[in-house]
Amino acid sequence: MTAARPIIGITSDLVERTPGRWSVTLAEAYADHLARAGAIPVVLPPIPDQASAHAAACDGIVLTGGRDPDTTQWGVPVHQRAVLMHPIRQRYETLLLSILRERLPQKPVLGICLGMQLMCLDAGGQIDQHLPDSLPSAHRHRDAVHPVAPEQDTPDWFVHGDVASNHHQGVIDPGPGLRIAARGDDGVIEAVVSAQRPFYVGVQWHPERTADPRMGLDIFKAFVRAVK
């Protein structure tokens, strides 16, 4: 990349504002943090036929948070407590991930919350669809702040700190090609990275909501540096 501000595509959601009328939505904090990190944020509407064009046009991609993936796509029944993401959004983002993996593996990608889970599913990993079934501390991940710590041999911008989380599902196996980069103090996988791709990073927390800049804005800055 040149010194120009890179164009970063941000995935968005579909919300039914009134019956039969759907809107493309995005929490403003994602765009704000990317702009503060030195990028030009661009909202990507979930149009599956445009996934290839979106991947090619952007210098990097951010996969945002959202509702739960429909795991039947990967041969796993859906948990009764799952609240599924819109099927068009899932089709778009899983197609986008496959295009990035197969055609554009050098393009930087940052996955946040749902985004990290989709990255792991795309890699052949597995998720726990309802952490409260087996994790006594699951409530600490639901609209709460909790500590995370980096694993060994992870990027130096992963540090100990408190993060803002809001999820009831979690990654239990990141899949081939991805390794665990950070965990919560209860063992929950909080970040994954690819050893083969230059910047392919997922975080389970929400850096755009995290007060500590080391765990928030600095994640976006590291991503934008990789794009440049």
C-alpha atoms as a PDB file:
ATOM      1  CA  MET A   1       0.000   0.000   0.000  1.00  0.00           C
ATOM      2  CA  THR A   2       0.976   3.660  -0.446  1.00  0.00           C
ATOM      3  CA  ALA A   3       0.913   6.359   2.217  1.00  0.00           C
ATOM      4  CA  ALA A   4      -2.686   7.204   1.287  1.00  0.00           C
ATOM      5  CA  ARG A   5      -5.347   6.350   3.822  1.00  0.00           C
ATOM      6  CA  PRO A   6      -6.448   2.764   3.095  1.00  0.00           C
ATOM      7  CA  ILE A   7     -10.040   1.905   2.282  1.00  0.00           C
ATOM      8  CA  ILE A   8     -11.431  -0.579   4.804  1.00  0.00           C
ATOM      9  CA  GLY A   9     -14.672  -2.415   4.139  1.00  0.00           C
ATOM     10  CA  ILE A  10     -16.859  -3.039   7.198  1.00  0.00           C
ATOM     11  CA  THR A  11     -19.549  -5.705   7.095  1.00  0.00           C
ATOM     12  CA  SER A  12     -23.032  -4.627   8.123  1.00  0.00           C
ATOM     13  CA  ASP A  13     -26.267  -6.142   9.373  1.00  0.00           C
ATOM     14  CA  LEU A  14     -29.828  -6.386   8.096  1.00  0.00           C
ATOM     15  CA  VAL A  15     -32.532  -5.172  10.475  1.00  0.00           C
ATOM     16  CA  GLU A  16     -36.285  -5.179   9.891  1.00  0.00           C
ATOM     17  CA  ARG A  17     -37.300  -1.679  10.997  1.00  0.00           C
ATOM     18  CA  THR A  18     -40.936  -2.183  10.015  1.00  0.00           C
ATOM     19  CA  PRO A  19     -42.602  -5.353   8.708  1.00  0.00           C
ATOM     20  CA  GLY A  20     -41.171  -6.205   5.305  1.00  0.00           C
ATOM     21  CA  ARG A  21     -38.768  -3.242   5.212  1.00  0.00           C
ATOM     22  CA  TRP A  22     -35.129  -4.079   5.894  1.00  0.00           C
ATOM     23  CA  SER A  23     -32.316  -1.638   6.601  1.00  0.00           C
ATOM     24  CA  VAL A  24     -28.553  -2.032   6.373  1.00  0.00           C
ATOM     25  CA  THR A  25     -27.131  -1.045   9.765  1.00  0.00           C
ATOM     26  CA  LEU A  26     -23.739  -0.621  11.409  1.00  0.00           C
ATOM     27  CA  ALA A  27     -22.710   0.555  14.866  1.00  0.00           C
ATOM     28  CA  GLU A  28     -20.966   3.896  14.354  1.00  0.00           C
ATOM     29  CA  ALA A  29     -18.118   2.961  16.707  1.00  0.00           C
ATOM     30  CA  TYR A  30     -16.573   0.596  14.134  1.00  0.00           C
ATOM     31  CA  ALA A  31     -16.246   3.352  11.537  1.00  0.00           C
ATOM     32  CA  ASP A  32     -15.119   5.896  14.126  1.00  0.00           C
ATOM     33  CA  HIS A  33     -12.305   3.691  15.414  1.00  0.00           C
ATOM     34  CA  LEU A  34     -11.107   2.884  11.901  1.00  0.00           C
ATOM     35  CA  ALA A  35     -11.086   6.568  10.970  1.00  0.00           C
ATOM     36  CA  ARG A  36      -9.151   7.402  14.146  1.00  0.00           C
ATOM     37  CA  ALA A  37      -6.696   4.632  13.253  1.00  0.00           C
ATOM     38  CA  GLY A  38      -5.995   6.291   9.892  1.00  0.00           C
ATOM     39  CA  ALA A  39      -8.325   4.495   7.482  1.00  0.00           C
ATOM     40  CA  ILE A  40     -11.266   5.426   5.277  1.00  0.00           C
ATOM     41  CA  PRO A  41     -14.148   3.211   6.475  1.00  0.00           C
ATOM     42  CA  VAL A  42     -16.690   2.013   3.913  1.00  0.00           C
ATOM     43  CA  VAL A  43     -19.873   0.136   4.816  1.00  0.00           C
ATOM     44  CA  LEU A  44     -20.367  -3.112   2.875  1.00  0.00           C
ATOM     45  CA  PRO A  45     -24.030  -4.054   2.393  1.00  0.00           C
ATOM     46  CA  PRO A  46     -24.548  -7.836   2.534  1.00  0.00           C
ATOM     47  CA  ILE A  47     -25.122  -8.511  -1.165  1.00  0.00           C
ATOM     48  CA  PRO A  48     -23.767 -11.995  -1.955  1.00  0.00           C
ATOM     49  CA  ASP A  49     -23.386 -11.263  -5.675  1.00  0.00           C
ATOM     50  CA  GLN A  50     -21.111  -8.336  -4.777  1.00  0.00           C
ATOM     51  CA  ALA A  51     -18.820 -10.206  -2.362  1.00  0.00           C
ATOM     52  CA  SER A  52     -16.051 -10.694  -4.910  1.00  0.00           C
ATOM     53  CA  ALA A  53     -16.135  -7.056  -6.004  1.00  0.00           C
ATOM     54  CA  HIS A  54     -16.127  -5.860  -2.390  1.00  0.00           C
ATOM     55  CA  ALA A  55     -13.128  -8.037  -1.527  1.00  0.00           C
ATOM     56  CA  ALA A  56     -11.183  -6.733  -4.514  1.00  0.00           C
ATOM     57  CA  ALA A  57     -12.087  -3.071  -4.009  1.00  0.00           C
ATOM     58  CA  CYS A  58     -11.092  -2.806  -0.344  1.00  0.00           C
ATOM     59  CA  ASP A  59      -7.570  -2.689   1.073  1.00  0.00           C
ATOM     60  CA  GLY A  60      -8.714  -4.605   4.151  1.00  0.00           C
ATOM     61  CA  ILE A  61     -11.890  -6.084   5.621  1.00  0.00           C
ATOM     62  CA  VAL A  62     -13.441  -5.871   9.100  1.00  0.00           C
ATOM     63  CA  LEU A  63     -16.018  -8.536   9.978  1.00  0.00           C
ATOM     64  CA  THR A  64     -18.269  -7.077  12.645  1.00  0.00           C
ATOM     65  CA  GLY A  65     -20.282  -8.527  15.506  1.00  0.00           C
ATOM     66  CA  GLY A  66     -23.854  -9.713  15.230  1.00  0.00           C
ATOM     67  CA  ARG A  67     -26.231 -12.550  15.972  1.00  0.00           C
ATOM     68  CA  ASP A  68     -25.405 -16.254  15.905  1.00  0.00           C
ATOM     69  CA  PRO A  69     -24.364 -18.250  12.825  1.00  0.00           C
ATOM     70  CA  ASP A  70     -26.639 -20.979  11.486  1.00  0.00           C
ATOM     71  CA  THR A  71     -24.343 -23.934  12.133  1.00  0.00           C
ATOM     72  CA  THR A  72     -26.289 -26.286   9.864  1.00  0.00           C
ATOM     73  CA  GLN A  73     -24.120 -24.810   7.099  1.00  0.00           C
ATOM     74  CA  TRP A  74     -21.241 -26.734   8.714  1.00  0.00           C
ATOM     75  CA  GLY A  75     -23.266 -29.865   9.493  1.00  0.00           C
ATOM     76  CA  VAL A  76     -24.042 -29.050  13.136  1.00  0.00           C
ATOM     77  CA  PRO A  77     -27.591 -28.715  14.538  1.00  0.00           C
ATOM     78  CA  VAL A  78     -28.529 -25.273  15.833  1.00  0.00           C
ATOM     79  CA  HIS A  79     -28.718 -24.858  19.623  1.00  0.00           C
ATOM     80  CA  GLN A  80     -32.183 -24.001  20.915  1.00  0.00           C
ATOM     81  CA  ARG A  81     -30.837 -20.799  22.511  1.00  0.00           C
ATOM     82  CA  ALA A  82     -29.242 -19.520  19.307  1.00  0.00           C
ATOM     83  CA  VAL A  83     -30.580 -16.281  17.820  1.00  0.00           C
ATOM     84  CA  LEU A  84     -29.641 -16.558  14.176  1.00  0.00           C
ATOM     85  CA  MET A  85     -28.114 -13.869  12.006  1.00  0.00           C
ATOM     86  CA  HIS A  86     -29.964 -12.968   8.821  1.00  0.00           C
ATOM     87  CA  PRO A  87     -29.382 -15.752   6.254  1.00  0.00           C
ATOM     88  CA  ILE A  88     -28.433 -13.250   3.538  1.00  0.00           C
ATOM     89  CA  ARG A  89     -25.779 -11.758   5.797  1.00  0.00           C
ATOM     90  CA  GLN A  90     -24.432 -15.225   6.595  1.00  0.00           C
ATOM     91  CA  ARG A  91     -24.345 -16.171   2.925  1.00  0.00           C
ATOM     92  CA  TYR A  92     -22.535 -12.937   2.073  1.00  0.00           C
ATOM     93  CA  GLU A  93     -19.933 -13.122   4.838  1.00  0.00           C
ATOM     94  CA  THR A  94     -19.135 -16.810   4.414  1.00  0.00           C
ATOM     95  CA  LEU A  95     -18.740 -16.215   0.677  1.00  0.00           C
ATOM     96  CA  LEU A  96     -16.545 -13.194   1.385  1.00  0.00           C
ATOM     97  CA  LEU A  97     -14.334 -15.285   3.675  1.00  0.00           C
ATOM     98  CA  SER A  98     -13.957 -18.050   1.100  1.00  0.00           C
ATOM     99  CA  ILE A  99     -13.006 -15.498  -1.576  1.00  0.00           C
ATOM    100  CA  LEU A 100     -10.419 -13.932   0.714  1.00  0.00           C
ATOM    101  CA  ARG A 101      -9.012 -17.353   1.601  1.00  0.00           C
ATOM    102  CA  GLU A 102      -8.845 -18.704  -1.933  1.00  0.00           C
ATOM    103  CA  ARG A 103      -8.052 -15.619  -4.024  1.00  0.00           C
ATOM    104  CA  LEU A 104      -6.782 -12.862  -1.729  1.00  0.00           C
ATOM    105  CA  PRO A 105      -4.974 -14.503   1.200  1.00  0.00           C
ATOM    106  CA  GLN A 106      -2.604 -11.531   1.567  1.00  0.00           C
ATOM    107  CA  LYS A 107      -5.444  -9.074   2.230  1.00  0.00           C
ATOM    108  CA  PRO A 108      -5.638  -8.055   5.919  1.00  0.00           C
ATOM    109  CA  VAL A 109      -8.767  -9.161   7.792  1.00  0.00           C
ATOM    110  CA  LEU A 110      -9.959  -8.320  11.311  1.00  0.00           C
ATOM    111  CA  GLY A 111     -12.864 -10.316  12.740  1.00  0.00           C
ATOM    112  CA  ILE A 112     -14.756  -9.064  15.790  1.00  0.00           C
ATOM    113  CA  CYS A 113     -17.002 -11.277  17.976  1.00  0.00           C
ATOM    114  CA  LEU A 114     -19.255 -12.988  15.385  1.00  0.00           C
ATOM    115  CA  GLY A 115     -16.577 -12.137  12.825  1.00  0.00           C
ATOM    116  CA  MET A 116     -13.990 -14.211  14.693  1.00  0.00           C
ATOM    117  CA  GLN A 117     -16.416 -17.112  15.003  1.00  0.00           C
ATOM    118  CA  LEU A 118     -17.103 -17.066  11.254  1.00  0.00           C
ATOM    119  CA  MET A 119     -13.367 -16.985  10.532  1.00  0.00           C
ATOM    120  CA  CYS A 120     -12.900 -20.113  12.643  1.00  0.00           C
ATOM    121  CA  LEU A 121     -15.871 -21.909  11.080  1.00  0.00           C
ATOM    122  CA  ASP A 122     -14.491 -21.041   7.641  1.00  0.00           C
ATOM    123  CA  ALA A 123     -11.174 -22.590   8.699  1.00  0.00           C
ATOM    124  CA  GLY A 124     -12.866 -25.834   9.757  1.00  0.00           C
ATOM    125  CA  GLY A 125     -13.059 -25.007  13.455  1.00  0.00           C
ATOM    126  CA  GLN A 126     -15.877 -25.407  15.967  1.00  0.00           C
ATOM    127  CA  ILE A 127     -17.882 -23.152  18.243  1.00  0.00           C
ATOM    128  CA  ASP A 128     -19.715 -23.737  21.517  1.00  0.00           C
ATOM    129  CA  GLN A 129     -23.206 -22.491  20.734  1.00  0.00           C
ATOM    130  CA  HIS A 130     -24.191 -21.692  24.317  1.00  0.00           C
ATOM    131  CA  LEU A 131     -21.394 -21.209  26.828  1.00  0.00           C
ATOM    132  CA  PRO A 132     -23.735 -21.182  29.870  1.00  0.00           C
ATOM    133  CA  ASP A 133     -24.344 -24.914  29.319  1.00  0.00           C
ATOM    134  CA  SER A 134     -20.800 -25.726  30.426  1.00  0.00           C
ATOM    135  CA  LEU A 135     -19.095 -22.549  31.679  1.00  0.00           C
ATOM    136  CA  PRO A 136     -20.035 -21.209  35.137  1.00  0.00           C
ATOM    137  CA  SER A 137     -18.461 -17.839  34.313  1.00  0.00           C
ATOM    138  CA  ALA A 138     -20.360 -17.405  31.032  1.00  0.00           C
ATOM    139  CA  HIS A 139     -22.295 -14.446  32.467  1.00  0.00           C
ATOM    140  CA  ARG A 140     -19.025 -12.493  32.596  1.00  0.00           C
ATOM    141  CA  HIS A 141     -18.962 -12.484  28.791  1.00  0.00           C
ATOM    142  CA  ARG A 142     -22.476 -11.086  28.379  1.00  0.00           C
ATOM    143  CA  ASP A 143     -22.433  -7.287  28.100  1.00  0.00           C
ATOM    144  CA  ALA A 144     -19.593  -7.121  30.619  1.00  0.00           C
ATOM    145  CA  VAL A 145     -15.917  -6.278  31.074  1.00  0.00           C
ATOM    146  CA  HIS A 146     -13.378  -9.003  31.876  1.00  0.00           C
ATOM    147  CA  PRO A 147      -9.607  -9.596  31.611  1.00  0.00           C
ATOM    148  CA  VAL A 148      -7.785 -11.320  28.764  1.00  0.00           C
ATOM    149  CA  ALA A 149      -4.165 -12.392  28.471  1.00  0.00           C
ATOM    150  CA  PRO A 150      -2.030 -13.181  25.408  1.00  0.00           C
ATOM    151  CA  GLU A 151      -0.674 -16.631  24.706  1.00  0.00           C
ATOM    152  CA  GLN A 152       3.018 -17.153  23.966  1.00  0.00           C
ATOM    153  CA  ASP A 153       4.400 -16.165  20.557  1.00  0.00           C
ATOM    154  CA  THR A 154       1.565 -13.806  19.686  1.00  0.00           C
ATOM    155  CA  PRO A 155       1.816 -10.305  18.178  1.00  0.00           C
ATOM    156  CA  ASP A 156       3.348  -7.854  20.650  1.00  0.00           C
ATOM    157  CA  TRP A 157       0.292  -5.608  20.489  1.00  0.00           C
ATOM    158  CA  PHE A 158      -1.734  -8.321  22.264  1.00  0.00           C
ATOM    159  CA  VAL A 159      -1.351  -7.446  25.951  1.00  0.00           C
ATOM    160  CA  HIS A 160      -2.961  -8.162  29.315  1.00  0.00           C
ATOM    161  CA  GLY A 161      -6.005  -5.982  29.827  1.00  0.00           C
ATOM    162  CA  ASP A 162      -9.729  -5.629  30.360  1.00  0.00           C
ATOM    163  CA  VAL A 163     -12.074  -5.874  27.395  1.00  0.00           C
ATOM    164  CA  ALA A 164     -15.761  -5.322  26.657  1.00  0.00           C
ATOM    165  CA  SER A 165     -17.574  -8.509  25.637  1.00  0.00           C
ATOM    166  CA  ASN A 166     -21.106  -9.444  24.680  1.00  0.00           C
ATOM    167  CA  HIS A 167     -21.453 -13.052  23.518  1.00  0.00           C
ATOM    168  CA  HIS A 168     -22.968 -16.351  24.631  1.00  0.00           C
ATOM    169  CA  GLN A 169     -21.155 -18.450  22.016  1.00  0.00           C
ATOM    170  CA  GLY A 170     -17.430 -19.055  21.798  1.00  0.00           C
ATOM    171  CA  VAL A 171     -14.744 -20.755  19.763  1.00  0.00           C
ATOM    172  CA  ILE A 172     -13.597 -24.136  21.077  1.00  0.00           C
ATOM    173  CA  ASP A 173     -11.391 -25.063  18.101  1.00  0.00           C
ATOM    174  CA  PRO A 174     -10.077 -22.329  15.782  1.00  0.00           C
ATOM    175  CA  GLY A 175      -9.466 -24.773  12.958  1.00  0.00           C
ATOM    176  CA  PRO A 176      -6.420 -25.671  10.857  1.00  0.00           C
ATOM    177  CA  GLY A 177      -4.238 -22.684  10.034  1.00  0.00           C
ATOM    178  CA  LEU A 178      -5.417 -20.592  12.978  1.00  0.00           C
ATOM    179  CA  ARG A 179      -3.876 -20.549  16.439  1.00  0.00           C
ATOM    180  CA  ILE A 180      -5.050 -19.190  19.764  1.00  0.00           C
ATOM    181  CA  ALA A 181      -3.578 -15.761  20.529  1.00  0.00           C
ATOM    182  CA  ALA A 182      -5.362 -14.826  23.772  1.00  0.00           C
ATOM    183  CA  ARG A 183      -7.659 -16.277  26.410  1.00  0.00           C
ATOM    184  CA  GLY A 184      -9.866 -14.998  29.184  1.00  0.00           C
ATOM    185  CA  ASP A 185      -8.955 -15.868  32.749  1.00  0.00           C
ATOM    186  CA  ASP A 186     -11.629 -18.578  32.584  1.00  0.00           C
ATOM    187  CA  GLY A 187      -9.998 -20.206  29.553  1.00  0.00           C
ATOM    188  CA  VAL A 188     -12.369 -18.879  26.879  1.00  0.00           C
ATOM    189  CA  ILE A 189     -10.580 -18.303  23.566  1.00  0.00           C
ATOM    190  CA  GLU A 190     -10.473 -14.535  23.075  1.00  0.00           C
ATOM    191  CA  ALA A 191      -8.289 -14.112  19.981  1.00  0.00           C
ATOM    192  CA  VAL A 192      -6.959 -16.124  17.052  1.00  0.00           C
ATOM    193  CA  VAL A 193      -4.340 -15.413  14.386  1.00  0.00           C
ATOM    194  CA  SER A 194      -3.148 -17.069  11.204  1.00  0.00           C
ATOM    195  CA  ALA A 195       0.481 -18.118  10.979  1.00  0.00           C
ATOM    196  CA  GLN A 196       0.325 -18.213   7.178  1.00  0.00           C
ATOM    197  CA  ARG A 197      -1.452 -14.944   6.353  1.00  0.00           C
ATOM    198  CA  PRO A 198       0.125 -11.525   7.034  1.00  0.00           C
ATOM    199  CA  PHE A 199      -2.763 -10.135   9.126  1.00  0.00           C
ATOM    200  CA  TYR A 200      -5.679 -12.466   9.697  1.00  0.00           C
ATOM    201  CA  VAL A 201      -6.813 -11.789  13.244  1.00  0.00           C
ATOM    202  CA  GLY A 202     -10.007 -12.446  15.169  1.00  0.00           C
ATOM    203  CA  VAL A 203     -10.936 -11.083  18.590  1.00  0.00           C
ATOM    204  CA  GLN A 204     -13.922 -12.306  20.576  1.00  0.00           C
ATOM    205  CA  TRP A 205     -14.284  -9.026  22.445  1.00  0.00           C
ATOM    206  CA  HIS A 206     -15.470  -5.686  21.057  1.00  0.00           C
ATOM    207  CA  PRO A 207     -12.455  -3.371  20.663  1.00  0.00           C
ATOM    208  CA  GLU A 208     -14.738  -0.606  19.389  1.00  0.00           C
ATOM    209  CA  ARG A 209     -16.429  -0.602  22.833  1.00  0.00           C
ATOM    210  CA  THR A 210     -13.354  -1.232  24.990  1.00  0.00           C
ATOM    211  CA  ALA A 211     -12.197   1.676  27.167  1.00  0.00           C
ATOM    212  CA  ASP A 212      -8.543   0.607  27.467  1.00  0.00           C
ATOM    213  CA  PRO A 213      -6.954   1.860  24.222  1.00  0.00           C
ATOM    214  CA  ARG A 214      -4.422  -0.976  24.257  1.00  0.00           C
ATOM    215  CA  MET A 215      -7.286  -3.442  23.857  1.00  0.00           C
ATOM    216  CA  GLY A 216      -9.465  -1.121  21.801  1.00  0.00           C
ATOM    217  CA  LEU A 217      -8.180   1.551  19.438  1.00  0.00           C
ATOM    218  CA  ASP A 218      -4.704  -0.006  19.283  1.00  0.00           C
ATOM    219  CA  ILE A 219      -6.189  -3.170  17.728  1.00  0.00           C
ATOM    220  CA  PHE A 220      -7.542  -1.055  14.875  1.00  0.00           C
ATOM    221  CA  LYS A 221      -4.224   0.801  14.593  1.00  0.00           C
ATOM    222  CA  ALA A 222      -2.330  -2.490  14.260  1.00  0.00           C
ATOM    223  CA  PHE A 223      -4.782  -3.579  11.578  1.00  0.00           C
ATOM    224  CA  VAL A 224      -4.416  -0.328   9.615  1.00  0.00           C
ATOM    225  CA  ARG A 225      -0.610  -0.511   9.874  1.00  0.00           C
ATOM    226  CA  ALA A 226      -0.772  -3.979   8.331  1.00  0.00           C
ATOM    227  CA  VAL A 227      -2.913  -2.669   5.486  1.00  0.00           C
ATOM    228  CA  LYS A 228      -0.502   0.170   4.744  1.00  0.00           C
END
